[in-house]
Amino acid sequence: MHDSESIGSRLREERKKSGLTQDQIAEVLGISKRTQANYEAGSSDAPAWYLSKVMREPGFDVHYILSGQRTTATEASLSEVENLLVTQYRAITPGDQEAIRRFLKAMADDAVRQKN
């Protein structure tokens, strides 16, 4: 299998693991479904900006996409409950992920205000 095809296959795996369709991930990232399909098929190489965005937005493991090796350093430093939260977060829709980020930010901002 060609490197681009391997990367595309792992990209597809990460997308499916997150529960997103090609249409959904394309909408989140601001690209066409055709572009997403090309990246997953390995017929086009995903650019750096795209990989950076999928790492942040849906939380894909870009190291795994590029190398085939799962990132374990971060996961190893998380507690069992934290790992479960990350897994659950990655399984929900991007809209729900955004709602959780807003909620957590509000809680953190409130905690800072209470300290002062």
N, C-alpha and C. Protein backbone atom coordinates (compact mmCIF):
# COMPACT_ATOMS: atom_id res chain seq x y z
N MET A 1 0.84 -1.18 0.00
CA MET A 1 0.00 0.00 0.00
C MET A 1 0.89 1.24 0.00
N HIS A 2 0.60 2.19 -0.83
CA HIS A 2 1.33 3.45 -0.95
C HIS A 2 1.13 4.28 0.33
N ASP A 3 2.14 5.10 0.70
CA ASP A 3 2.05 5.91 1.91
C ASP A 3 0.78 6.75 1.96
N SER A 4 0.44 7.41 0.85
CA SER A 4 -0.76 8.25 0.83
C SER A 4 -2.01 7.42 1.09
N GLU A 5 -2.05 6.21 0.55
CA GLU A 5 -3.21 5.34 0.79
C GLU A 5 -3.26 4.90 2.25
N SER A 6 -2.11 4.61 2.84
CA SER A 6 -2.06 4.21 4.25
C SER A 6 -2.52 5.36 5.14
N ILE A 7 -2.03 6.55 4.85
CA ILE A 7 -2.43 7.73 5.62
C ILE A 7 -3.92 7.96 5.46
N GLY A 8 -4.41 7.86 4.23
CA GLY A 8 -5.84 8.03 3.98
C GLY A 8 -6.68 7.01 4.72
N SER A 9 -6.22 5.78 4.74
CA SER A 9 -6.93 4.71 5.44
C SER A 9 -7.01 5.00 6.94
N ARG A 10 -5.91 5.46 7.52
CA ARG A 10 -5.90 5.79 8.95
C ARG A 10 -6.74 7.03 9.23
N LEU A 11 -6.74 7.97 8.31
CA LEU A 11 -7.59 9.15 8.44
C LEU A 11 -9.06 8.74 8.46
N ARG A 12 -9.44 7.85 7.55
CA ARG A 12 -10.81 7.32 7.50
C ARG A 12 -11.15 6.62 8.81
N GLU A 13 -10.19 5.83 9.32
CA GLU A 13 -10.39 5.11 10.58
C GLU A 13 -10.66 6.09 11.73
N GLU A 14 -9.86 7.15 11.80
CA GLU A 14 -10.06 8.15 12.86
C GLU A 14 -11.42 8.84 12.71
N ARG A 15 -11.80 9.15 11.47
CA ARG A 15 -13.10 9.80 11.25
C ARG A 15 -14.23 8.89 11.71
N LYS A 16 -14.17 7.62 11.32
CA LYS A 16 -15.22 6.67 11.70
C LYS A 16 -15.24 6.48 13.21
N LYS A 17 -14.07 6.42 13.82
CA LYS A 17 -13.96 6.27 15.28
C LYS A 17 -14.64 7.43 15.99
N SER A 18 -14.59 8.61 15.38
CA SER A 18 -15.21 9.79 15.98
C SER A 18 -16.71 9.84 15.73
N GLY A 19 -17.21 8.93 14.88
CA GLY A 19 -18.64 8.89 14.60
C GLY A 19 -19.10 9.90 13.57
N LEU A 20 -18.15 10.50 12.82
CA LEU A 20 -18.49 11.51 11.83
C LEU A 20 -18.56 10.92 10.43
N THR A 21 -19.48 11.44 9.63
CA THR A 21 -19.53 11.08 8.21
C THR A 21 -18.57 11.99 7.46
N GLN A 22 -18.31 11.66 6.19
CA GLN A 22 -17.47 12.54 5.37
C GLN A 22 -18.12 13.92 5.24
N ASP A 23 -19.43 13.95 5.08
CA ASP A 23 -20.14 15.24 4.99
C ASP A 23 -19.93 16.06 6.26
N GLN A 24 -20.06 15.43 7.42
CA GLN A 24 -19.94 16.15 8.69
C GLN A 24 -18.53 16.69 8.90
N ILE A 25 -17.51 15.86 8.66
CA ILE A 25 -16.14 16.32 8.87
C ILE A 25 -15.79 17.41 7.88
N ALA A 26 -16.28 17.28 6.64
CA ALA A 26 -16.02 18.32 5.64
C ALA A 26 -16.63 19.64 6.08
N GLU A 27 -17.84 19.60 6.61
CA GLU A 27 -18.49 20.83 7.07
C GLU A 27 -17.72 21.46 8.24
N VAL A 28 -17.31 20.63 9.19
CA VAL A 28 -16.56 21.14 10.35
C VAL A 28 -15.26 21.81 9.91
N LEU A 29 -14.60 21.21 8.92
CA LEU A 29 -13.29 21.69 8.50
C LEU A 29 -13.35 22.73 7.38
N GLY A 30 -14.54 22.95 6.84
CA GLY A 30 -14.68 23.95 5.79
C GLY A 30 -14.11 23.52 4.45
N ILE A 31 -14.25 22.22 4.15
CA ILE A 31 -13.78 21.69 2.87
C ILE A 31 -14.94 20.96 2.21
N SER A 32 -14.77 20.56 0.96
CA SER A 32 -15.82 19.81 0.28
C SER A 32 -15.73 18.33 0.67
N LYS A 33 -16.86 17.64 0.51
CA LYS A 33 -16.88 16.20 0.77
C LYS A 33 -15.91 15.50 -0.19
N ARG A 34 -15.83 15.98 -1.41
CA ARG A 34 -14.94 15.40 -2.42
C ARG A 34 -13.48 15.49 -1.95
N THR A 35 -13.10 16.64 -1.39
CA THR A 35 -11.73 16.82 -0.88
C THR A 35 -11.46 15.82 0.25
N GLN A 36 -12.41 15.69 1.18
CA GLN A 36 -12.27 14.74 2.27
C GLN A 36 -12.14 13.32 1.72
N ALA A 37 -12.98 12.98 0.76
CA ALA A 37 -12.92 11.64 0.16
C ALA A 37 -11.57 11.40 -0.50
N ASN A 38 -11.02 12.42 -1.17
CA ASN A 38 -9.71 12.28 -1.81
C ASN A 38 -8.60 12.06 -0.78
N TYR A 39 -8.66 12.77 0.35
CA TYR A 39 -7.67 12.57 1.41
C TYR A 39 -7.75 11.14 1.94
N GLU A 40 -8.97 10.65 2.16
CA GLU A 40 -9.16 9.32 2.71
C GLU A 40 -8.77 8.22 1.72
N ALA A 41 -8.96 8.49 0.44
CA ALA A 41 -8.59 7.50 -0.59
C ALA A 41 -7.10 7.51 -0.87
N GLY A 42 -6.41 8.55 -0.42
CA GLY A 42 -4.98 8.67 -0.69
C GLY A 42 -4.68 9.22 -2.07
N SER A 43 -5.72 9.71 -2.77
CA SER A 43 -5.49 10.28 -4.09
C SER A 43 -5.00 11.72 -4.00
N SER A 44 -5.19 12.35 -2.84
CA SER A 44 -4.63 13.67 -2.55
C SER A 44 -4.02 13.62 -1.16
N ASP A 45 -2.87 14.27 -0.99
CA ASP A 45 -2.24 14.34 0.33
C ASP A 45 -2.87 15.47 1.13
N ALA A 46 -3.20 15.17 2.38
CA ALA A 46 -3.76 16.19 3.26
C ALA A 46 -2.66 17.19 3.64
N PRO A 47 -2.93 18.50 3.47
CA PRO A 47 -1.92 19.50 3.82
C PRO A 47 -1.78 19.69 5.33
N ALA A 48 -0.73 20.35 5.72
CA ALA A 48 -0.44 20.56 7.15
C ALA A 48 -1.56 21.29 7.86
N TRP A 49 -2.15 22.32 7.22
CA TRP A 49 -3.23 23.07 7.89
C TRP A 49 -4.41 22.15 8.20
N TYR A 50 -4.67 21.22 7.29
CA TYR A 50 -5.77 20.27 7.49
C TYR A 50 -5.47 19.36 8.68
N LEU A 51 -4.26 18.80 8.72
CA LEU A 51 -3.89 17.91 9.81
C LEU A 51 -3.91 18.63 11.16
N SER A 52 -3.47 19.87 11.16
CA SER A 52 -3.51 20.67 12.38
C SER A 52 -4.95 20.87 12.84
N LYS A 53 -5.83 21.11 11.88
CA LYS A 53 -7.24 21.35 12.22
C LYS A 53 -7.92 20.08 12.72
N VAL A 54 -7.68 18.92 12.09
CA VAL A 54 -8.33 17.70 12.57
C VAL A 54 -7.79 17.26 13.93
N MET A 55 -6.59 17.69 14.25
CA MET A 55 -6.04 17.40 15.57
C MET A 55 -6.79 18.20 16.64
N ARG A 56 -7.12 19.47 16.32
CA ARG A 56 -7.79 20.34 17.28
C ARG A 56 -9.30 20.13 17.32
N GLU A 57 -9.95 20.17 16.19
CA GLU A 57 -11.41 20.18 16.12
C GLU A 57 -12.02 18.85 16.58
N PRO A 58 -11.91 17.78 15.79
CA PRO A 58 -12.47 16.53 16.29
C PRO A 58 -11.51 15.75 17.19
N GLY A 59 -10.25 16.18 17.30
CA GLY A 59 -9.31 15.53 18.20
C GLY A 59 -8.69 14.25 17.65
N PHE A 60 -8.46 14.21 16.34
CA PHE A 60 -7.84 13.03 15.74
C PHE A 60 -6.39 12.90 16.20
N ASP A 61 -5.92 11.67 16.25
CA ASP A 61 -4.53 11.37 16.59
C ASP A 61 -3.70 11.48 15.31
N VAL A 62 -3.16 12.68 15.05
CA VAL A 62 -2.43 12.94 13.80
C VAL A 62 -1.14 12.13 13.75
N HIS A 63 -0.51 11.90 14.87
CA HIS A 63 0.69 11.06 14.89
C HIS A 63 0.36 9.68 14.34
N TYR A 64 -0.78 9.13 14.76
CA TYR A 64 -1.21 7.82 14.26
C TYR A 64 -1.52 7.90 12.76
N ILE A 65 -2.22 8.95 12.34
CA ILE A 65 -2.57 9.08 10.92
C ILE A 65 -1.31 9.06 10.07
N LEU A 66 -0.28 9.77 10.48
CA LEU A 66 0.94 9.88 9.68
C LEU A 66 1.88 8.69 9.82
N SER A 67 1.96 8.11 11.02
CA SER A 67 2.97 7.08 11.27
C SER A 67 2.41 5.67 11.45
N GLY A 68 1.14 5.57 11.78
CA GLY A 68 0.57 4.25 12.08
C GLY A 68 0.78 3.82 13.51
N GLN A 69 1.38 4.70 14.33
CA GLN A 69 1.61 4.39 15.74
C GLN A 69 0.78 5.33 16.60
N ARG A 70 0.02 4.75 17.50
CA ARG A 70 -0.84 5.54 18.39
C ARG A 70 0.01 6.36 19.36
N THR A 71 -0.47 7.54 19.65
CA THR A 71 0.17 8.39 20.66
C THR A 71 -0.21 7.82 22.02
N THR A 72 0.79 7.51 22.82
CA THR A 72 0.49 6.93 24.13
C THR A 72 0.98 7.78 25.28
N ALA A 73 1.92 8.67 25.05
CA ALA A 73 2.48 9.46 26.15
C ALA A 73 1.41 10.26 26.86
N THR A 74 0.55 10.93 26.12
CA THR A 74 -0.49 11.73 26.74
C THR A 74 -1.51 10.84 27.42
N GLU A 75 -1.93 9.79 26.74
CA GLU A 75 -2.93 8.90 27.31
C GLU A 75 -2.42 8.22 28.57
N ALA A 76 -1.14 7.91 28.61
CA ALA A 76 -0.58 7.24 29.77
C ALA A 76 -0.59 8.16 31.00
N SER A 77 -0.55 9.47 30.78
CA SER A 77 -0.53 10.40 31.89
C SER A 77 -1.93 10.74 32.41
N LEU A 78 -2.97 10.24 31.74
CA LEU A 78 -4.34 10.51 32.16
C LEU A 78 -4.83 9.41 33.08
N SER A 79 -5.71 9.79 34.01
CA SER A 79 -6.33 8.79 34.87
C SER A 79 -7.37 8.01 34.05
N GLU A 80 -7.88 6.96 34.63
CA GLU A 80 -8.91 6.15 33.94
C GLU A 80 -10.14 7.00 33.63
N VAL A 81 -10.55 7.84 34.57
CA VAL A 81 -11.71 8.71 34.36
C VAL A 81 -11.43 9.74 33.26
N GLU A 82 -10.22 10.31 33.25
CA GLU A 82 -9.87 11.27 32.21
C GLU A 82 -9.84 10.62 30.83
N ASN A 83 -9.30 9.41 30.73
CA ASN A 83 -9.31 8.68 29.46
C ASN A 83 -10.73 8.42 28.99
N LEU A 84 -11.62 8.06 29.91
CA LEU A 84 -13.01 7.82 29.56
C LEU A 84 -13.66 9.11 29.03
N LEU A 85 -13.39 10.23 29.70
CA LEU A 85 -13.94 11.51 29.25
C LEU A 85 -13.45 11.87 27.85
N VAL A 86 -12.16 11.65 27.58
CA VAL A 86 -11.61 11.95 26.25
C VAL A 86 -12.28 11.06 25.21
N THR A 87 -12.42 9.79 25.52
CA THR A 87 -13.05 8.85 24.58
C THR A 87 -14.50 9.26 24.30
N GLN A 88 -15.22 9.62 25.34
CA GLN A 88 -16.62 10.04 25.16
C GLN A 88 -16.69 11.35 24.38
N TYR A 89 -15.80 12.28 24.67
CA TYR A 89 -15.76 13.56 23.96
C TYR A 89 -15.54 13.34 22.47
N ARG A 90 -14.63 12.46 22.14
CA ARG A 90 -14.32 12.19 20.73
C ARG A 90 -15.48 11.51 20.01
N ALA A 91 -16.38 10.87 20.76
CA ALA A 91 -17.48 10.13 20.15
C ALA A 91 -18.70 11.00 19.87
N ILE A 92 -18.74 12.22 20.39
CA ILE A 92 -19.92 13.07 20.20
C ILE A 92 -19.72 14.01 19.01
N THR A 93 -20.78 14.63 18.60
CA THR A 93 -20.75 15.50 17.43
C THR A 93 -19.90 16.74 17.69
N PRO A 94 -19.37 17.34 16.64
CA PRO A 94 -18.59 18.58 16.81
C PRO A 94 -19.38 19.69 17.51
N GLY A 95 -20.66 19.78 17.24
CA GLY A 95 -21.49 20.80 17.91
C GLY A 95 -21.56 20.57 19.41
N ASP A 96 -21.72 19.31 19.80
CA ASP A 96 -21.74 18.98 21.23
C ASP A 96 -20.37 19.19 21.87
N GLN A 97 -19.31 18.91 21.11
CA GLN A 97 -17.96 19.17 21.62
C GLN A 97 -17.78 20.66 21.90
N GLU A 98 -18.26 21.49 21.00
CA GLU A 98 -18.16 22.95 21.19
C GLU A 98 -18.94 23.38 22.42
N ALA A 99 -20.13 22.82 22.62
CA ALA A 99 -20.94 23.16 23.80
C ALA A 99 -20.20 22.78 25.08
N ILE A 100 -19.54 21.64 25.08
CA ILE A 100 -18.77 21.22 26.26
C ILE A 100 -17.60 22.16 26.50
N ARG A 101 -16.91 22.56 25.42
CA ARG A 101 -15.78 23.50 25.58
C ARG A 101 -16.26 24.82 26.18
N ARG A 102 -17.41 25.32 25.70
CA ARG A 102 -17.95 26.58 26.25
C ARG A 102 -18.31 26.42 27.72
N PHE A 103 -18.94 25.29 28.06
CA PHE A 103 -19.33 25.01 29.44
C PHE A 103 -18.10 24.96 30.35
N LEU A 104 -17.07 24.23 29.93
CA LEU A 104 -15.85 24.13 30.74
C LEU A 104 -15.16 25.47 30.90
N LYS A 105 -15.13 26.26 29.83
CA LYS A 105 -14.53 27.59 29.92
C LYS A 105 -15.28 28.45 30.92
N ALA A 106 -16.61 28.40 30.88
CA ALA A 106 -17.42 29.17 31.83
C ALA A 106 -17.13 28.72 33.26
N MET A 107 -17.02 27.43 33.48
CA MET A 107 -16.71 26.92 34.81
C MET A 107 -15.34 27.38 35.28
N ALA A 108 -14.35 27.31 34.38
CA ALA A 108 -12.98 27.73 34.72
C ALA A 108 -12.95 29.22 35.01
N ASP A 109 -13.63 30.01 34.19
CA ASP A 109 -13.69 31.46 34.42
C ASP A 109 -14.33 31.77 35.76
N ASP A 110 -15.38 31.05 36.12
CA ASP A 110 -16.05 31.22 37.40
C ASP A 110 -15.12 30.85 38.55
N ALA A 111 -14.35 29.79 38.39
CA ALA A 111 -13.41 29.37 39.45
C ALA A 111 -12.35 30.44 39.67
N VAL A 112 -11.88 31.07 38.60
CA VAL A 112 -10.89 32.14 38.72
C VAL A 112 -11.49 33.34 39.45
N ARG A 113 -12.73 33.69 39.10
CA ARG A 113 -13.41 34.83 39.78
C ARG A 113 -13.60 34.55 41.26
N GLN A 114 -13.91 33.32 41.61
CA GLN A 114 -14.13 32.96 43.02
C GLN A 114 -12.83 33.04 43.81
N LYS A 115 -11.69 32.78 43.17
CA LYS A 115 -10.40 32.87 43.86
C LYS A 115 -10.04 34.32 44.16
N ASN A 116 -10.49 35.24 43.33
CA ASN A 116 -10.12 36.65 43.48
C ASN A 116 -11.06 37.38 44.36
